[in-house]
PDB file of N, CA and C in Angstrom:
ATOM      1  N   MET A   1      82.863 107.520 100.114  1.00  0.00           N
ATOM      2  CA  MET A   1      81.989 108.647 100.442  1.00  0.00           C
ATOM      3  C   MET A   1      82.654 109.332 101.158  1.00  0.00           C
ATOM      4  N   ALA A   2      82.494 110.938 100.500  1.00  0.00           N
ATOM      5  CA  ALA A   2      83.623 111.944 101.086  1.00  0.00           C
ATOM      6  C   ALA A   2      82.704 112.891 102.070  1.00  0.00           C
ATOM      7  N   ASP A   3      83.742 113.254 102.769  1.00  0.00           N
ATOM      8  CA  ASP A   3      83.104 114.245 103.922  1.00  0.00           C
ATOM      9  C   ASP A   3      83.392 115.755 103.117  1.00  0.00           C
ATOM     10  N   ASP A   4      82.841 116.464 104.035  1.00  0.00           N
ATOM     11  CA  ASP A   4      83.101 117.954 103.260  1.00  0.00           C
ATOM     12  C   ASP A   4      84.257 118.541 103.095  1.00  0.00           C
ATOM     13  N   ASP A   5      85.311 117.725 103.877  1.00  0.00           N
ATOM     14  CA  ASP A   5      86.853 118.472 103.973  1.00  0.00           C
ATOM     15  C   ASP A   5      87.742 117.669 103.022  1.00  0.00           C
ATOM     16  N   GLY A   6      86.812 116.636 102.461  1.00  0.00           N
ATOM     17  CA  GLY A   6      87.745 115.918 101.260  1.00  0.00           C
ATOM     18  C   GLY A   6      88.519 114.762 101.681  1.00  0.00           C
ATOM     19  N   PHE A   7      87.968 114.204 102.873  1.00  0.00           N
ATOM     20  CA  PHE A   7      88.432 113.012 103.303  1.00  0.00           C
ATOM     21  C   PHE A   7      87.622 111.957 103.060  1.00  0.00           C
ATOM     22  N   VAL A   8      87.929 110.619 102.339  1.00  0.00           N
ATOM     23  CA  VAL A   8      87.167 109.638 102.067  1.00  0.00           C
ATOM     24  C   VAL A   8      87.624 108.377 102.724  1.00  0.00           C
ATOM     25  N   ASP A   9      87.232 107.248 102.598  1.00  0.00           N
ATOM     26  CA  ASP A   9      87.397 105.714 103.418  1.00  0.00           C
ATOM     27  C   ASP A   9      88.486 105.289 102.054  1.00  0.00           C
ATOM     28  N   GLU A  10      89.082 104.157 102.570  1.00  0.00           N
ATOM     29  CA  GLU A  10      90.133 103.767 101.492  1.00  0.00           C
ATOM     30  C   GLU A  10      89.510 103.228 100.060  1.00  0.00           C
ATOM     31  N   GLU A  11      88.221 102.322 100.248  1.00  0.00           N
ATOM     32  CA  GLU A  11      87.967 102.128  99.292  1.00  0.00           C
ATOM     33  C   GLU A  11      87.644 103.215  98.059  1.00  0.00           C
ATOM     34  N   ALA A  12      87.146 104.444  98.390  1.00  0.00           N
ATOM     35  CA  ALA A  12      86.868 105.376  97.562  1.00  0.00           C
ATOM     36  C   ALA A  12      88.260 106.405  96.825  1.00  0.00           C
ATOM     37  N   ALA A  13      88.848 106.265  97.941  1.00  0.00           N
ATOM     38  CA  ALA A  13      90.416 106.610  97.929  1.00  0.00           C
ATOM     39  C   ALA A  13      90.876 105.901  96.648  1.00  0.00           C
ATOM     40  N   ALA A  14      91.078 104.458  96.601  1.00  0.00           N
ATOM     41  CA  ALA A  14      91.804 103.610  95.730  1.00  0.00           C
ATOM     42  C   ALA A  14      90.908 103.669  94.373  1.00  0.00           C
ATOM     43  N   TYR A  15      89.625 103.710  94.485  1.00  0.00           N
ATOM     44  CA  TYR A  15      88.701 103.800  93.073  1.00  0.00           C
ATOM     45  C   TYR A  15      89.269 105.179  92.291  1.00  0.00           C
ATOM     46  N   TYR A  16      89.263 106.355  93.193  1.00  0.00           N
ATOM     47  CA  TYR A  16      89.720 107.580  92.428  1.00  0.00           C
ATOM     48  C   TYR A  16      90.996 107.594  91.900  1.00  0.00           C
ATOM     49  N   ALA A  17      91.953 106.991  92.705  1.00  0.00           N
ATOM     50  CA  ALA A  17      93.407 106.895  92.329  1.00  0.00           C
ATOM     51  C   ALA A  17      93.719 105.847  91.116  1.00  0.00           C
ATOM     52  N   GLY A  18      92.623 104.818  91.167  1.00  0.00           N
ATOM     53  CA  GLY A  18      93.047 103.781  90.070  1.00  0.00           C
ATOM     54  C   GLY A  18      94.023 102.683  90.787  1.00  0.00           C
ATOM     55  N   ARG A  19      94.381 102.925  91.999  1.00  0.00           N
ATOM     56  CA  ARG A  19      95.072 101.910  92.745  1.00  0.00           C
ATOM     57  C   ARG A  19      94.746 100.768  93.742  1.00  0.00           C
ATOM     58  N   PRO A  20      95.359 100.034  94.069  1.00  0.00           N
ATOM     59  CA  PRO A  20      94.643  99.205  95.233  1.00  0.00           C
ATOM     60  C   PRO A  20      94.783  99.732  96.413  1.00  0.00           C
ATOM     61  N   GLY A  21      93.922  99.574  97.374  1.00  0.00           N
ATOM     62  CA  GLY A  21      94.033 100.190  98.987  1.00  0.00           C
ATOM     63  C   GLY A  21      95.382 100.006  99.355  1.00  0.00           C
ATOM     64  N   VAL A  22      96.249  98.780  99.311  1.00  0.00           N
ATOM     65  CA  VAL A  22      97.259  98.833 100.142  1.00  0.00           C
ATOM     66  C   VAL A  22      98.061  99.920  99.560  1.00  0.00           C
ATOM     67  N   THR A  23      98.020 100.333  98.011  1.00  0.00           N
ATOM     68  CA  THR A  23      99.074 101.304  97.694  1.00  0.00           C
ATOM     69  C   THR A  23      98.641 102.844  98.327  1.00  0.00           C
ATOM     70  N   ILE A  24      97.520 102.752  98.790  1.00  0.00           N
ATOM     71  CA  ILE A  24      96.847 103.882  99.270  1.00  0.00           C
ATOM     72  C   ILE A  24      97.712 104.009 100.661  1.00  0.00           C
ATOM     73  N   ARG A  25      97.430 103.066 101.296  1.00  0.00           N
ATOM     74  CA  ARG A  25      97.816 102.875 102.793  1.00  0.00           C
ATOM     75  C   ARG A  25      99.337 103.270 102.933  1.00  0.00           C
ATOM     76  N   ARG A  26     100.059 102.780 101.969  1.00  0.00           N
ATOM     77  CA  ARG A  26     101.501 102.922 101.941  1.00  0.00           C
ATOM     78  C   ARG A  26     102.130 104.362 101.597  1.00  0.00           C
ATOM     79  N   TRP A  27     100.855 104.961 100.758  1.00  0.00           N
ATOM     80  CA  TRP A  27     101.406 106.396 100.493  1.00  0.00           C
ATOM     81  C   TRP A  27     101.155 107.405 101.619  1.00  0.00           C
ATOM     82  N   ALA A  28     100.202 106.815 102.384  1.00  0.00           N
ATOM     83  CA  ALA A  28      99.754 107.705 103.537  1.00  0.00           C
ATOM     84  C   ALA A  28     101.290 107.493 104.451  1.00  0.00           C
ATOM     85  N   HIS A  29     101.248 106.220 104.725  1.00  0.00           N
ATOM     86  CA  HIS A  29     102.766 105.911 105.452  1.00  0.00           C
ATOM     87  C   HIS A  29     103.921 106.464 105.112  1.00  0.00           C
ATOM     88  N   GLU A  30     104.025 106.649 104.024  1.00  0.00           N
ATOM     89  CA  GLU A  30     105.389 107.403 103.336  1.00  0.00           C
ATOM     90  C   GLU A  30     105.319 109.009 103.603  1.00  0.00           C
ATOM     91  N   GLY A  31     103.941 109.425 103.755  1.00  0.00           N
ATOM     92  CA  GLY A  31     103.642 110.873 103.868  1.00  0.00           C
ATOM     93  C   GLY A  31     103.230 111.573 102.527  1.00  0.00           C
ATOM     94  N   ARG A  32     103.043 110.883 101.433  1.00  0.00           N
ATOM     95  CA  ARG A  32     102.598 111.320 100.384  1.00  0.00           C
ATOM     96  C   ARG A  32     101.338 112.136 100.392  1.00  0.00           C
ATOM     97  N   ILE A  33     100.628 111.160 101.284  1.00  0.00           N
ATOM     98  CA  ILE A  33      99.096 111.799 101.379  1.00  0.00           C
ATOM     99  C   ILE A  33      98.734 112.110 102.731  1.00  0.00           C
ATOM    100  N   ARG A  34      97.822 112.822 102.914  1.00  0.00           N
ATOM    101  CA  ARG A  34      97.305 113.091 104.635  1.00  0.00           C
ATOM    102  C   ARG A  34      96.423 111.867 104.588  1.00  0.00           C
ATOM    103  N   LYS A  35      96.283 111.732 106.099  1.00  0.00           N
ATOM    104  CA  LYS A  35      95.405 110.523 106.483  1.00  0.00           C
ATOM    105  C   LYS A  35      94.649 111.108 107.972  1.00  0.00           C
ATOM    106  N   ARG A  36      93.423 110.841 108.190  1.00  0.00           N
ATOM    107  CA  ARG A  36      92.884 111.116 109.515  1.00  0.00           C
ATOM    108  C   ARG A  36      92.443 109.657 110.123  1.00  0.00           C
ATOM    109  N   GLY A  37      92.557 109.623 111.406  1.00  0.00           N
ATOM    110  CA  GLY A  37      91.809 108.498 112.221  1.00  0.00           C
ATOM    111  C   GLY A  37      92.897 107.428 112.481  1.00  0.00           C
ATOM    112  N   SER A  38      92.248 106.306 112.734  1.00  0.00           N
ATOM    113  CA  SER A  38      92.972 105.211 113.302  1.00  0.00           C
ATOM    114  C   SER A  38      92.510 103.834 112.848  1.00  0.00           C
ATOM    115  N   ARG A  39      93.191 102.589 112.375  1.00  0.00           N
ATOM    116  CA  ARG A  39      92.295 101.406 112.285  1.00  0.00           C
ATOM    117  C   ARG A  39      92.049 100.942 113.513  1.00  0.00           C
ATOM    118  N   ARG A  40      92.589 101.400 114.447  1.00  0.00           N
ATOM    119  CA  ARG A  40      92.134 100.940 115.964  1.00  0.00           C
ATOM    120  C   ARG A  40      90.506 101.375 116.182  1.00  0.00           C
ATOM    121  N   THR A  41      90.122 102.646 115.736  1.00  0.00           N
ATOM    122  CA  THR A  41      88.902 103.354 115.663  1.00  0.00           C
ATOM    123  C   THR A  41      87.808 102.897 114.357  1.00  0.00           C
ATOM    124  N   GLY A  42      88.785 102.029 113.390  1.00  0.00           N
ATOM    125  CA  GLY A  42      88.136 102.027 112.092  1.00  0.00           C
ATOM    126  C   GLY A  42      87.646 102.916 111.337  1.00  0.00           C
ATOM    127  N   GLY A  43      88.050 103.973 111.697  1.00  0.00           N
ATOM    128  CA  GLY A  43      87.939 105.200 110.707  1.00  0.00           C
ATOM    129  C   GLY A  43      88.994 105.987 110.042  1.00  0.00           C
ATOM    130  N   VAL A  44      89.613 105.172 109.183  1.00  0.00           N
ATOM    131  CA  VAL A  44      90.816 105.886 108.866  1.00  0.00           C
ATOM    132  C   VAL A  44      90.256 106.648 107.402  1.00  0.00           C
ATOM    133  N   ARG A  45      90.738 107.828 107.096  1.00  0.00           N
ATOM    134  CA  ARG A  45      90.091 108.454 105.932  1.00  0.00           C
ATOM    135  C   ARG A  45      91.498 109.159 105.196  1.00  0.00           C
ATOM    136  N   TYR A  46      91.386 109.161 103.976  1.00  0.00           N
ATOM    137  CA  TYR A  46      92.440 109.929 103.504  1.00  0.00           C
ATOM    138  C   TYR A  46      91.978 111.005 102.468  1.00  0.00           C
ATOM    139  N   CYS A  47      92.954 112.107 102.321  1.00  0.00           N
ATOM    140  CA  CYS A  47      92.594 113.276 101.397  1.00  0.00           C
ATOM    141  C   CYS A  47      92.649 112.833 100.033  1.00  0.00           C
ATOM    142  N   VAL A  48      91.327 113.237  99.614  1.00  0.00           N
ATOM    143  CA  VAL A  48      91.222 112.767  98.028  1.00  0.00           C
ATOM    144  C   VAL A  48      91.990 113.767  96.997  1.00  0.00           C
ATOM    145  N   PHE A  49      92.256 115.124  98.068  1.00  0.00           N
ATOM    146  CA  PHE A  49      93.043 116.480  97.034  1.00  0.00           C
ATOM    147  C   PHE A  49      94.438 116.031  96.786  1.00  0.00           C
ATOM    148  N   ASP A  50      94.829 114.917  97.631  1.00  0.00           N
ATOM    149  CA  ASP A  50      96.180 114.856  97.554  1.00  0.00           C
ATOM    150  C   ASP A  50      96.775 113.689  96.581  1.00  0.00           C
ATOM    151  N   LEU A  51      95.644 113.267  95.870  1.00  0.00           N
ATOM    152  CA  LEU A  51      95.862 111.782  94.980  1.00  0.00           C
ATOM    153  C   LEU A  51      95.445 112.360  93.771  1.00  0.00           C
ATOM    154  N   ASN A  52      96.253 111.903  92.479  1.00  0.00           N
ATOM    155  CA  ASN A  52      96.054 111.921  91.120  1.00  0.00           C
ATOM    156  C   ASN A  52      94.642 111.263  90.668  1.00  0.00           C
ATOM    157  N   LYS A  53      94.027 111.730  89.790  1.00  0.00           N
ATOM    158  CA  LYS A  53      92.842 110.902  89.348  1.00  0.00           C
ATOM    159  C   LYS A  53      93.224 109.705  88.394  1.00  0.00           C
ATOM    160  N   GLY A  54      92.893 108.761  88.424  1.00  0.00           N
ATOM    161  CA  GLY A  54      92.908 107.539  87.601  1.00  0.00           C
ATOM    162  C   GLY A  54      91.775 107.743  86.499  1.00  0.00           C
ATOM    163  N   PRO A  55      92.027 108.370  85.237  1.00  0.00           N
ATOM    164  CA  PRO A  55      90.970 108.236  84.177  1.00  0.00           C
ATOM    165  C   PRO A  55      90.376 107.205  83.964  1.00  0.00           C
ATOM    166  N   ARG A  56      89.080 107.147  83.773  1.00  0.00           N
ATOM    167  CA  ARG A  56      88.205 105.995  83.556  1.00  0.00           C
ATOM    168  C   ARG A  56      87.170 106.084  82.417  1.00  0.00           C
ATOM    169  N   ASP A  57      87.176 105.269  81.765  1.00  0.00           N
ATOM    170  CA  ASP A  57      85.973 105.246  80.574  1.00  0.00           C
ATOM    171  C   ASP A  57      84.849 106.105  80.745  1.00  0.00           C
ATOM    172  N   GLU A  58      84.070 106.948  80.579  1.00  0.00           N
ATOM    173  CA  GLU A  58      82.875 107.569  80.810  1.00  0.00           C
ATOM    174  C   GLU A  58      81.808 106.845  80.732  1.00  0.00           C
ATOM    175  N   TYR A  59      81.477 105.536  79.769  1.00  0.00           N
ATOM    176  CA  TYR A  59      80.568 104.842  79.857  1.00  0.00           C
ATOM    177  C   TYR A  59      80.785 103.538  80.810  1.00  0.00           C
ATOM    178  N   THR A  60      81.395 102.792  80.530  1.00  0.00           N
ATOM    179  CA  THR A  60      81.758 101.729  81.327  1.00  0.00           C
ATOM    180  C   THR A  60      82.630 101.835  82.787  1.00  0.00           C
ATOM    181  N   ARG A  61      82.766 102.833  82.906  1.00  0.00           N
ATOM    182  CA  ARG A  61      84.111 103.538  84.348  1.00  0.00           C
ATOM    183  C   ARG A  61      85.105 102.543  84.508  1.00  0.00           C
ATOM    184  N   GLU A  62      85.443 101.685  83.227  1.00  0.00           N
ATOM    185  CA  GLU A  62      86.887 100.675  83.446  1.00  0.00           C
ATOM    186  C   GLU A  62      88.062 101.728  83.486  1.00  0.00           C
ATOM    187  N   LEU A  63      88.996 101.728  84.374  1.00  0.00           N
ATOM    188  CA  LEU A  63      90.047 102.181  84.557  1.00  0.00           C
ATOM    189  C   LEU A  63      90.876 102.029  83.403  1.00  0.00           C
ATOM    190  N   ILE A  64      91.440 103.303  82.744  1.00  0.00           N
ATOM    191  CA  ILE A  64      92.368 103.525  81.633  1.00  0.00           C
ATOM    192  C   ILE A  64      93.745 103.414  82.107  1.00  0.00           C
ATOM    193  N   LYS A  65      93.890 104.334  83.027  1.00  0.00           N
ATOM    194  CA  LYS A  65      95.148 104.225  83.464  1.00  0.00           C
ATOM    195  C   LYS A  65      95.480 104.808  84.836  1.00  0.00           C
ATOM    196  N   PRO A  66      96.011 104.053  85.980  1.00  0.00           N
ATOM    197  CA  PRO A  66      96.144 104.393  87.124  1.00  0.00           C
ATOM    198  C   PRO A  66      96.811 106.058  87.130  1.00  0.00           C
ATOM    199  N   GLY A  67      96.262 106.463  88.433  1.00  0.00           N
ATOM    200  CA  GLY A  67      96.784 108.084  88.458  1.00  0.00           C
ATOM    201  C   GLY A  67      98.051 108.096  89.018  1.00  0.00           C
ATOM    202  N   LYS A  68      98.986 109.015  88.464  1.00  0.00           N
ATOM    203  CA  LYS A  68     100.364 109.196  89.179  1.00  0.00           C
ATOM    204  C   LYS A  68     100.316 109.176  90.547  1.00  0.00           C
ATOM    205  N   PRO A  69     101.334 108.549  90.964  1.00  0.00           N
ATOM    206  CA  PRO A  69     101.658 108.657  92.547  1.00  0.00           C
ATOM    207  C   PRO A  69     101.848 110.233  92.692  1.00  0.00           C
ATOM    208  N   PRO A  70     101.631 110.387  94.020  1.00  0.00           N
ATOM    209  CA  PRO A  70     102.125 111.735  94.783  1.00  0.00           C
ATOM    210  C   PRO A  70     103.420 111.908  94.695  1.00  0.00           C
ATOM    211  N   ALA A  71     103.923 113.099  95.169  1.00  0.00           N
ATOM    212  CA  ALA A  71     105.408 113.457  95.369  1.00  0.00           C
ATOM    213  C   ALA A  71     105.708 112.813  96.848  1.00  0.00           C
ATOM    214  N   LEU A  72     106.756 112.755  96.926  1.00  0.00           N
ATOM    215  CA  LEU A  72     107.285 112.305  98.241  1.00  0.00           C
ATOM    216  C   LEU A  72     107.798 113.617  98.877  1.00  0.00           C
ATOM    217  N   PRO A  73     107.576 113.754  99.915  1.00  0.00           N
ATOM    218  CA  PRO A  73     107.854 114.890 100.666  1.00  0.00           C
ATOM    219  C   PRO A  73     109.533 115.040 100.829  1.00  0.00           C
ATOM    220  N   ALA A  74     110.190 116.089 100.954  1.00  0.00           N
ATOM    221  CA  ALA A  74     111.412 116.344 100.737  1.00  0.00           C
ATOM    222  C   ALA A  74     112.244 115.605 102.203  1.00  0.00           C
ATOM    223  N   GLY A  75     113.154 114.658 101.740  1.00  0.00           N
ATOM    224  CA  GLY A  75     113.850 114.107 102.624  1.00  0.00           C
ATOM    225  C   GLY A  75     113.475 112.789 102.962  1.00  0.00           C
ATOM    226  N   ALA A  76     112.033 112.258 102.468  1.00  0.00           N
ATOM    227  CA  ALA A  76     111.468 110.906 102.751  1.00  0.00           C
ATOM    228  C   ALA A  76     111.848 109.921 101.959  1.00  0.00           C
ATOM    229  N   LYS A  77     111.861 108.698 102.279  1.00  0.00           N
ATOM    230  CA  LYS A  77     112.349 107.576 101.351  1.00  0.00           C
ATOM    231  C   LYS A  77     111.142 106.527 100.979  1.00  0.00           C
ATOM    232  N   ALA A  78     111.049 106.344  99.754  1.00  0.00           N
ATOM    233  CA  ALA A  78     109.977 105.304  99.499  1.00  0.00           C
ATOM    234  C   ALA A  78     110.087 104.067  99.989  1.00  0.00           C
ATOM    235  N   ALA A  79     108.872 103.471 100.387  1.00  0.00           N
ATOM    236  CA  ALA A  79     109.047 102.170 101.038  1.00  0.00           C
ATOM    237  C   ALA A  79     109.363 100.996 100.218  1.00  0.00           C
TER     238      ALA A  79
END
């Protein structure tokens, strides 16, 4: 489910990118994508505009290929 500002929950972000939720969380931790909220409040949201879409079959919605990882910010190291 998306807000008007492009932030979605983990499940929607993972579906859009064709990646597991743990990858979405790692990318946020690395600074590749923006997030809002916290686990403590139960409302973590990720910016869908920072993600690359994983193409899906138009009829079955089966994932064809996962979206490419967003770029690391300058000076950051991958986990």
